[in-house]
Structure formats: structure tokens, C-alpha cells
Amino acid sequence: MTPSRAALALFPLGLAAAAGPAIAQSAGTPAAGNIDACALVEVDADRLACYDRVAGRHSRNPAMADAAAELARQNREAASEAEAAAATRGDRARSAASDLFASEPEDAIANAGKGSLLDSRWELAKDSKLGTFNFRAYKPVYLLPAFWSSDQNELPHSPNPRNTATEPQVLDAIEAKFQISFKTKAWENLFGDNGDVWMGYTQSSRWQVYNGEASRPFRETNYEPEILLVFRNNYSLGGWKGRMAAVGINHQSNGRADPLSRSWNRVMFNVGLDRDNWAVTFRPWIRVSDGSDDDNPDIEDYMGRGDVTIVHTIGGHELSLMARHSLRGGDRSHGAIGFDWGFPIHNTLRGHVQVFDGYGESLIDYNHRSTYIGLGISLLEWF
């Protein structure tokens, strides 16, 4: 049974209200030299970081942590050279496989990448872990009062006749869009000192707020809960550092009745690398079939079978580029590209520009191509 749209909307908004102080607290920075402000920080790790800032104590940067990890790894390999030479082929294979995900007893190795972009979001290093059930930022949180579309999808359709609209909608080219997103860690160090279980939630809405003729409806809201098992990595690839690998279950739906119902479920894989002020994330996925009761049986040929997101931070600005594709040729070749720019305006006020071209800006538009341009403010970016 499809839950009501109102119930789906109220649930995340209530959680977001509860999460707001925790997210803001971890993102906020007390004034320099104000030790009294640090005493008000509730989260232990954040309070310690606050005291360190006031005292002028600076932790090692990611490059130093990587160098220490490499030295520790070399020392360990040198110490075990004789043992490795005597090992059987099977022992060596098991050792190589475990090196990617396994717990690392040496603190230097387990803290590789501490302070890097991906570590700041996923608490990957051993000493970066902050415990469970703290609300954290996930995807960008923003409000775009102006969100323009070059081509409105007035008659959404699907290969399933039950999910094809017959009455055209009256839509304005300009609407508002907003997104909330957060995550929390449910289980820490599932395998020794590695392997964390995260639960995430993202909701994005498109609101025809200027469409008085149609009583200003919410045109489309997408709900996206997911759960991920995240592992810390430490390898080099062409100047990039492999930081994380994850696997999870992702559900996305719009909570609407036929003929406008859209949904799908995916097994998601996630590989993340970073360097300096850059981060790149690859996400291939496998769709879990809905069988004969499928709102959108061809969604993979439009929304794709994977995506890649590149993020760059520079001088308070954050630029991100997302691309995805169906990984098919001919009539099944479709994809999309999206660009977001978050920039400082004044103090903590930030602006946000969004540009999207292709298929699937939202679920109801999964097989509809259009160009979208949005302008507004952001509360949280990727990093």
C-alpha cells in the first residue's frame, strides 16, 4: 500500500527539525579565543576540536597522515618479509584480499587520510569516528525560489498504461525547489575498527508556488531513504587516494497514486577518492526488479545504471559536477549532467546555482528531457 504524501512529507521534516541543532552544531565554529563557547558544545569530539582551535593546536593534515601510514606500512612489510616469503600461495591471496577492507591494528595506518574531504563526511579514519546516532550532513541542503524548466512535462507517461496520464497538467515554467538531506551512523566498527553502517535520507520537492491558476500545488516530491555499509580504504591511483568503498540499498519514490506513481529500488555501490580539495565518487547500481507491477519498467534506460560526481572546494566556493548514463547504445542511450555551485554571500549566508540537462531531474520526469536552471540559497553543501 502506498503511504500518503502528507505522511511521507511530515516524517522527514520532523526529523530534520530534530536534526537541525546537531547538524548546525557540528558545522558551526565558535569565535576564535572564546573558550566559554567551546564548553557549550555537546558532542565530545566537536568540543575537543573547539578547544584545539582556541589553543591554536593544529592536527596533522591528510598528506601527513598518509605519509605516516605509508611509513608504518613499509615498516610492517619489512618486519614480516621472512614470514611472507615462507607463506603459501593461499595465505598470500587471503592477505591481499583482506588488505582492502580489514581492520588495521597500527593507528598510523588506520588514520590514513584523516581530515581529507571524504573523511570529513564519512568519519573514515580511526580517530575521526564520532560514535552512533549523531545527525550529520549528507547531500546538499538548499532552497531555490527560482527553478526554471525549458520544457514542462504536462503528460507524464510510462510503458505501463496504468502509469500514463491522460489529462494534461497546467504547469508554469518557473517553480521553487528545495532539498533536505541527512544521515546518521547506526553501527560503528562492524569489523574490528572498520566498517560502519549509515542510514541516510534525502527529500527534494518541486513546488508550483507561482501557479495560482492551479492552486499552487507541489508538482513532485521524491523520497529517498537508504542504508550503506561503508569501509575505509587506503590506496593510491594516479595521484588520487582511494578513501572509501560502500554497498547499500536505496529506495526512491514519489508517494503518488496511479497514473503518476513512480518508484524503484537499487543495490548501490560506492567508490570514493580524493586529493587536496577534490573528491570524486563513482556509484554503479543494480536495479531490483518490481516484477509485473512496475510503475516505470524502462527507468534504467533513462535514469542510468551509474553516476559519477566530482566536487572541488576553493576559497569558500564549492563546485560539483554529476554525470550519469544508461550505459546502452542506440535508442536506449540516455543520460544527464548536473552542475551545482555554492558560494559565500555574507557570513554564513551562501548562494546556490544549479544547472541540469537531460533525463530524470525528478522521478515523474524520468523519461522526459529538459534543461533546468535554479537560483537560491544553501544551508549545507557536500563538504
Protein backbone atom coordinates (compact mmCIF):
# COMPACT_ATOMS: atom_id res chain seq x y z
CA MET A 1 0.00 0.00 0.00
CA THR A 2 1.41 3.42 -0.99
CA PRO A 3 1.76 5.76 2.01
CA SER A 4 0.03 9.11 1.81
CA ARG A 5 2.04 12.01 0.52
CA ALA A 6 1.30 14.04 3.63
CA ALA A 7 2.63 11.36 5.94
CA LEU A 8 5.81 10.97 3.91
CA ALA A 9 6.37 14.71 3.94
CA LEU A 10 5.80 15.23 7.68
CA PHE A 11 8.12 12.43 8.78
CA PRO A 12 11.38 13.80 7.30
CA LEU A 13 10.53 17.38 8.20
CA GLY A 14 10.10 16.34 11.83
CA LEU A 15 13.42 14.51 11.78
CA ALA A 16 15.09 17.47 10.10
CA ALA A 17 13.83 19.76 12.85
CA ALA A 18 15.29 17.46 15.48
CA ALA A 19 18.50 17.08 13.50
CA GLY A 20 18.96 20.78 12.85
CA PRO A 21 20.76 21.66 16.09
CA ALA A 22 23.12 18.69 15.81
CA ILE A 23 23.98 19.43 12.19
CA ALA A 24 24.38 23.14 12.83
CA GLN A 25 26.45 22.43 15.89
CA SER A 26 28.94 20.25 14.07
CA ALA A 27 29.15 22.77 11.23
CA GLY A 28 29.43 25.88 13.43
CA THR A 29 32.73 27.29 14.65
CA PRO A 30 32.86 29.37 17.87
CA ALA A 31 34.66 32.68 17.69
CA ALA A 32 38.44 32.48 17.97
CA GLY A 33 39.61 32.75 21.58
CA ASN A 34 36.15 32.15 23.03
CA ILE A 35 36.78 29.17 25.29
CA ASP A 36 33.40 29.60 27.01
CA ALA A 37 31.64 28.85 23.72
CA CYS A 38 33.50 25.54 23.49
CA ALA A 39 32.07 24.44 26.83
CA LEU A 40 28.57 24.66 25.33
CA VAL A 41 29.33 22.15 22.56
CA GLU A 42 27.59 18.87 23.44
CA VAL A 43 29.37 16.39 21.14
CA ASP A 44 32.65 15.31 22.76
CA ALA A 45 34.74 15.18 19.58
CA ASP A 46 33.43 18.58 18.41
CA ARG A 47 34.12 20.10 21.85
CA LEU A 48 37.72 18.82 21.79
CA ALA A 49 38.19 20.24 18.28
CA CYS A 50 36.84 23.57 19.53
CA TYR A 51 39.35 23.67 22.40
CA ASP A 52 42.14 22.80 19.97
CA ARG A 53 41.17 25.73 17.74
CA VAL A 54 41.12 28.16 20.67
CA ALA A 55 44.52 26.90 21.88
CA GLY A 56 45.95 27.16 18.37
CA ARG A 57 46.68 23.44 18.22
CA HIS A 58 46.56 22.09 14.68
CA SER A 59 46.25 18.41 13.84
CA ARG A 60 48.19 16.78 11.05
CA ASN A 61 46.81 17.35 7.57
CA PRO A 62 45.78 14.45 5.27
CA ALA A 63 49.15 14.45 3.47
CA MET A 64 50.98 14.00 6.79
CA ALA A 65 48.57 11.27 7.86
CA ASP A 66 49.09 9.49 4.53
CA ALA A 67 52.87 9.77 4.88
CA ALA A 68 52.77 8.33 8.39
CA ALA A 69 50.54 5.50 7.19
CA GLU A 70 52.90 4.70 4.34
CA LEU A 71 55.91 4.64 6.64
CA ALA A 72 54.08 2.35 9.08
CA ARG A 73 53.09 0.07 6.23
CA GLN A 74 56.69 -0.11 4.95
CA ASN A 75 57.97 -0.93 8.44
CA ARG A 76 55.37 -3.65 8.84
CA GLU A 77 56.20 -5.15 5.45
CA ALA A 78 59.92 -5.11 6.19
CA ALA A 79 59.39 -6.80 9.56
CA SER A 80 57.31 -9.58 8.02
CA GLU A 81 59.42 -10.15 4.89
CA ALA A 82 60.73 -13.51 6.04
CA GLU A 83 57.27 -14.67 7.07
CA ALA A 84 55.78 -13.58 3.73
CA ALA A 85 58.44 -15.44 1.80
CA ALA A 86 57.54 -18.65 3.62
CA ALA A 87 53.78 -18.23 3.19
CA THR A 88 51.79 -20.44 0.84
CA ARG A 89 50.05 -19.09 -2.25
CA GLY A 90 46.69 -19.36 -0.48
CA ASP A 91 47.98 -17.40 2.51
CA ARG A 92 49.22 -14.62 0.21
CA ALA A 93 45.87 -14.45 -1.63
CA ARG A 94 43.95 -14.15 1.62
CA SER A 95 46.33 -11.44 2.82
CA ALA A 96 45.88 -9.41 -0.37
CA ALA A 97 42.09 -9.65 -0.19
CA SER A 98 41.98 -8.62 3.46
CA ASP A 99 44.23 -5.61 2.87
CA LEU A 100 41.41 -3.73 1.11
CA PHE A 101 38.82 -3.79 3.88
CA ALA A 102 40.28 -5.33 7.01
CA SER A 103 40.89 -3.73 10.39
CA GLU A 104 44.37 -2.24 10.74
CA PRO A 105 45.98 -2.62 14.18
CA GLU A 106 48.51 0.21 13.66
CA ASP A 107 47.00 3.59 14.48
CA ALA A 108 49.07 5.33 11.77
CA ILE A 109 47.65 3.07 9.07
CA ALA A 110 44.12 3.24 10.43
CA ASN A 111 44.32 7.06 10.45
CA ALA A 112 45.41 7.45 6.83
CA GLY A 113 43.53 10.31 5.18
CA LYS A 114 42.40 11.86 8.46
CA GLY A 115 41.00 15.31 7.70
CA SER A 116 40.51 14.69 3.97
CA LEU A 117 37.27 15.65 2.24
CA LEU A 118 35.76 12.16 2.29
CA ASP A 119 36.96 11.53 5.85
CA SER A 120 35.19 14.72 6.98
CA ARG A 121 31.87 13.38 5.69
CA TRP A 122 32.13 9.66 6.48
CA GLU A 123 34.37 9.51 9.59
CA LEU A 124 36.68 7.04 7.86
CA ALA A 125 39.91 7.33 9.88
CA LYS A 126 40.06 5.52 13.21
CA ASP A 127 40.35 8.76 15.20
CA SER A 128 37.65 10.52 13.14
CA LYS A 129 34.83 8.28 14.35
CA LEU A 130 32.31 10.17 16.48
CA GLY A 131 30.00 7.36 17.59
CA THR A 132 26.49 6.40 16.56
CA PHE A 133 23.19 8.20 16.10
CA ASN A 134 24.59 11.69 15.59
CA PHE A 135 22.85 13.55 12.78
CA ARG A 136 25.27 14.53 10.03
CA ALA A 137 25.11 16.36 6.71
CA TYR A 138 24.68 14.16 3.66
CA LYS A 139 23.79 15.69 0.30
CA PRO A 140 23.43 19.47 -0.20
CA VAL A 141 20.57 21.24 1.61
CA TYR A 142 19.19 24.20 -0.32
CA LEU A 143 16.20 26.34 -1.26
CA LEU A 144 15.84 27.57 -4.85
CA PRO A 145 12.96 30.09 -5.09
CA ALA A 146 13.52 30.25 -8.86
CA PHE A 147 13.78 26.93 -10.70
CA TRP A 148 13.15 27.26 -14.44
CA SER A 149 12.43 24.45 -16.90
CA SER A 150 12.80 24.69 -20.68
CA ASP A 151 10.10 22.07 -21.32
CA GLN A 152 7.30 21.22 -18.86
CA ASN A 153 6.18 17.58 -18.66
CA GLU A 154 2.42 18.11 -18.82
CA LEU A 155 1.56 14.48 -19.74
CA PRO A 156 3.85 12.10 -17.81
CA HIS A 157 3.92 8.63 -19.35
CA SER A 158 5.36 5.16 -18.88
CA PRO A 159 5.35 1.88 -20.86
CA ASN A 160 2.90 0.67 -18.22
CA PRO A 161 -0.51 2.01 -19.41
CA ARG A 162 -1.68 2.30 -15.81
CA ASN A 163 1.07 4.87 -15.25
CA THR A 164 0.34 7.10 -18.22
CA ALA A 165 -1.53 10.36 -17.59
CA THR A 166 -4.46 11.20 -19.89
CA GLU A 167 -5.30 14.66 -18.53
CA PRO A 168 -2.66 17.35 -19.17
CA GLN A 169 -1.42 19.34 -16.18
CA VAL A 170 -1.28 23.13 -16.19
CA LEU A 171 2.33 23.92 -15.29
CA ASP A 172 4.39 27.09 -15.06
CA ALA A 173 7.92 27.18 -16.42
CA ILE A 174 9.20 28.67 -13.15
CA GLU A 175 8.65 26.94 -9.81
CA ALA A 176 10.52 26.58 -6.49
CA LYS A 177 12.69 23.64 -5.48
CA PHE A 178 14.16 22.62 -2.14
CA GLN A 179 16.11 19.67 -0.79
CA ILE A 180 16.81 18.34 2.70
CA SER A 181 19.28 15.54 3.36
CA PHE A 182 20.92 13.99 6.41
CA LYS A 183 22.46 10.75 7.64
CA THR A 184 23.28 9.01 10.88
CA LYS A 185 25.61 6.17 11.78
CA ALA A 186 23.71 3.19 13.18
CA TRP A 187 26.65 0.83 13.79
CA GLU A 188 30.34 1.65 14.14
CA ASN A 189 33.32 -0.65 13.55
CA LEU A 190 31.41 -3.71 12.44
CA PHE A 191 34.69 -5.43 11.53
CA GLY A 192 37.35 -4.57 14.08
CA ASP A 193 37.98 -0.84 13.60
CA ASN A 194 36.45 -0.69 10.11
CA GLY A 195 33.01 -1.00 8.52
CA ASP A 196 30.27 1.46 9.57
CA VAL A 197 26.54 1.19 8.88
CA TRP A 198 25.00 4.53 7.85
CA MET A 199 21.33 5.39 7.31
CA GLY A 200 20.59 8.32 5.01
CA TYR A 201 17.51 10.24 3.92
CA THR A 202 17.07 12.78 1.11
CA GLN A 203 13.89 14.57 0.07
CA SER A 204 13.54 17.02 -2.81
CA SER A 205 10.39 18.92 -3.77
CA ARG A 206 9.31 20.96 -6.78
CA TRP A 207 6.60 23.47 -5.89
CA GLN A 208 4.48 25.37 -8.41
CA VAL A 209 4.30 28.23 -5.94
CA TYR A 210 3.71 30.88 -8.64
CA ASN A 211 0.95 28.90 -10.36
CA GLY A 212 -2.17 30.49 -8.90
CA GLU A 213 -4.31 29.08 -11.70
CA ALA A 214 -3.67 25.53 -10.43
CA SER A 215 -3.83 26.46 -6.69
CA ARG A 216 -0.03 26.39 -6.30
CA PRO A 217 0.45 22.61 -5.97
CA PHE A 218 3.56 20.61 -5.15
CA ARG A 219 4.27 19.20 -8.59
CA GLU A 220 6.67 16.45 -7.49
CA THR A 221 8.36 15.30 -4.30
CA ASN A 222 10.92 12.49 -4.26
CA TYR A 223 11.66 10.48 -1.10
CA GLU A 224 14.97 8.60 -0.90
CA PRO A 225 15.85 6.53 2.18
CA GLU A 226 18.94 4.34 2.04
CA ILE A 227 21.29 2.27 4.16
CA LEU A 228 25.01 1.79 3.44
CA LEU A 229 27.86 -0.31 4.77
CA VAL A 230 30.95 1.91 4.44
CA PHE A 231 34.57 0.72 4.59
CA ARG A 232 37.75 2.74 4.93
CA ASN A 233 40.35 2.19 2.18
CA ASN A 234 43.89 3.42 1.67
CA TYR A 235 45.38 3.08 -1.81
CA SER A 236 46.81 5.36 -4.49
CA LEU A 237 45.58 5.70 -8.07
CA GLY A 238 47.18 8.24 -10.40
CA GLY A 239 47.72 10.86 -7.70
CA TRP A 240 44.33 10.20 -6.09
CA LYS A 241 43.83 8.47 -2.75
CA GLY A 242 41.21 5.75 -2.51
CA ARG A 243 39.37 6.51 0.73
CA MET A 244 36.12 4.56 0.85
CA ALA A 245 34.06 1.73 -0.61
CA ALA A 246 30.42 1.08 0.23
CA VAL A 247 27.46 -1.09 -0.66
CA GLY A 248 23.86 -0.38 0.23
CA ILE A 249 20.15 -0.49 -0.52
CA ASN A 250 18.43 2.58 -1.96
CA HIS A 251 14.69 3.21 -2.38
CA GLN A 252 13.30 6.17 -4.30
CA SER A 253 9.64 7.00 -4.86
CA ASN A 254 7.28 9.93 -5.22
CA GLY A 255 4.49 8.61 -2.96
CA ARG A 256 1.74 9.29 -5.53
CA ALA A 257 -1.17 7.26 -6.79
CA ASP A 258 -1.55 6.00 -10.36
CA PRO A 259 -1.11 7.23 -13.03
CA LEU A 260 1.61 9.45 -11.51
CA SER A 261 3.20 6.84 -9.23
CA ARG A 262 6.93 6.28 -9.79
CA SER A 263 9.40 4.21 -7.75
CA TRP A 264 12.41 1.91 -7.91
CA ASN A 265 14.84 0.05 -5.64
CA ARG A 266 18.57 -0.36 -6.20
CA VAL A 267 21.62 -2.10 -4.79
CA MET A 268 24.14 0.74 -4.75
CA PHE A 269 27.92 0.53 -4.84
CA ASN A 270 30.09 3.48 -3.93
CA VAL A 271 33.80 4.12 -4.50
CA GLY A 272 35.29 7.41 -3.29
CA LEU A 273 38.69 9.00 -3.93
CA ASP A 274 40.05 12.43 -3.07
CA ARG A 275 43.12 14.65 -3.37
CA ASP A 276 43.79 18.11 -1.94
CA ASN A 277 40.47 19.98 -2.41
CA TRP A 278 38.98 17.48 -4.84
CA ALA A 279 36.74 14.45 -4.33
CA VAL A 280 35.26 12.02 -6.84
CA THR A 281 32.61 9.39 -6.19
CA PHE A 282 31.61 6.56 -8.53
CA ARG A 283 28.22 4.92 -7.96
CA PRO A 284 27.25 1.98 -10.16
CA TRP A 285 23.98 0.33 -9.23
CA ILE A 286 21.81 -2.71 -9.95
CA ARG A 287 18.07 -2.29 -10.04
CA VAL A 288 15.92 -4.68 -8.00
CA SER A 289 13.04 -5.68 -10.26
CA ASP A 290 9.45 -4.85 -9.30
CA GLY A 291 8.17 -7.73 -11.43
CA SER A 292 4.99 -7.20 -13.40
CA ASP A 293 3.77 -4.43 -11.05
CA ASP A 294 6.27 -1.84 -12.29
CA ASP A 295 5.50 1.88 -12.46
CA ASN A 296 8.45 2.56 -14.77
CA PRO A 297 9.90 -0.60 -16.35
CA ASP A 298 12.38 1.28 -18.58
CA ILE A 299 13.74 3.63 -15.91
CA GLU A 300 17.33 2.31 -16.17
CA ASP A 301 17.48 3.36 -19.83
CA TYR A 302 16.83 6.97 -18.77
CA MET A 303 17.97 7.43 -15.14
CA GLY A 304 21.04 5.33 -15.91
CA ARG A 305 22.96 2.45 -14.38
CA GLY A 306 25.50 4.53 -12.55
CA ASP A 307 26.79 8.06 -11.98
CA VAL A 308 29.96 9.92 -11.11
CA THR A 309 30.19 13.12 -9.04
CA ILE A 310 33.25 15.38 -8.88
CA VAL A 311 33.45 18.07 -6.17
CA HIS A 312 36.01 20.86 -5.87
CA THR A 313 36.28 23.34 -2.99
CA ILE A 314 38.20 26.60 -3.39
CA GLY A 315 38.14 29.80 -1.35
CA GLY A 316 34.72 29.19 0.21
CA HIS A 317 33.24 28.15 -3.12
CA GLU A 318 32.15 24.60 -3.86
CA LEU A 319 31.68 23.29 -7.40
CA SER A 320 30.18 19.89 -8.18
CA LEU A 321 29.58 18.10 -11.47
CA MET A 322 27.41 14.98 -11.78
CA ALA A 323 27.08 12.79 -14.87
CA ARG A 324 25.12 9.58 -15.39
CA HIS A 325 24.26 7.37 -18.33
CA SER A 326 22.23 4.30 -19.26
CA LEU A 327 25.42 2.52 -20.47
CA ARG A 328 23.49 1.37 -23.53
CA GLY A 329 23.64 2.40 -27.18
CA GLY A 330 21.11 3.29 -29.88
CA ASP A 331 17.58 4.16 -28.77
CA ARG A 332 18.47 3.18 -25.18
CA SER A 333 21.29 5.71 -24.87
CA HIS A 334 20.19 8.42 -22.43
CA GLY A 335 21.74 10.32 -19.60
CA ALA A 336 22.05 13.60 -17.74
CA ILE A 337 24.57 16.08 -16.44
CA GLY A 338 24.16 18.41 -13.48
CA PHE A 339 26.25 21.30 -12.15
CA ASP A 340 25.96 22.95 -8.71
CA TRP A 341 27.82 25.98 -7.41
CA GLY A 342 27.67 27.02 -3.77
CA PHE A 343 29.27 30.39 -2.95
CA PRO A 344 29.56 32.70 0.06
CA ILE A 345 27.41 35.83 0.23
CA HIS A 346 27.77 37.19 3.77
CA ASN A 347 28.96 35.44 6.92
CA THR A 348 27.15 32.07 6.93
CA LEU A 349 24.70 33.02 4.13
CA ARG A 350 25.53 31.12 0.95
CA GLY A 351 24.14 31.29 -2.56
CA HIS A 352 23.43 28.27 -4.75
CA VAL A 353 23.19 27.90 -8.53
CA GLN A 354 22.00 24.66 -10.12
CA VAL A 355 22.00 23.67 -13.79
CA PHE A 356 20.69 20.31 -15.06
CA ASP A 357 20.25 18.95 -18.56
CA GLY A 358 18.95 15.55 -19.57
CA TYR A 359 16.53 12.91 -18.36
CA GLY A 360 15.32 12.29 -14.83
CA GLU A 361 15.63 15.56 -12.95
CA SER A 362 12.83 14.02 -10.86
CA LEU A 363 11.11 10.64 -10.88
CA ILE A 364 7.98 11.87 -12.65
CA ASP A 365 10.29 13.20 -15.38
CA TYR A 366 12.47 10.09 -15.56
CA ASN A 367 11.88 9.70 -19.34
CA HIS A 368 11.39 13.41 -20.07
CA ARG A 369 14.31 15.55 -21.24
CA SER A 370 14.60 19.19 -20.25
CA THR A 371 17.06 21.85 -19.15
CA TYR A 372 16.66 23.31 -15.64
CA ILE A 373 18.29 26.36 -14.07
CA GLY A 374 17.84 27.21 -10.40
CA LEU A 375 18.97 30.06 -8.15
CA GLY A 376 18.69 30.33 -4.37
CA ILE A 377 20.48 29.77 -1.08
CA SER A 378 22.16 26.77 0.53
CA LEU A 379 22.49 25.74 4.15
CA LEU A 380 24.89 22.83 3.61
CA GLU A 381 26.98 21.70 0.66
CA TRP A 382 28.76 18.39 0.04
CA PHE A 383 31.82 19.39 2.10
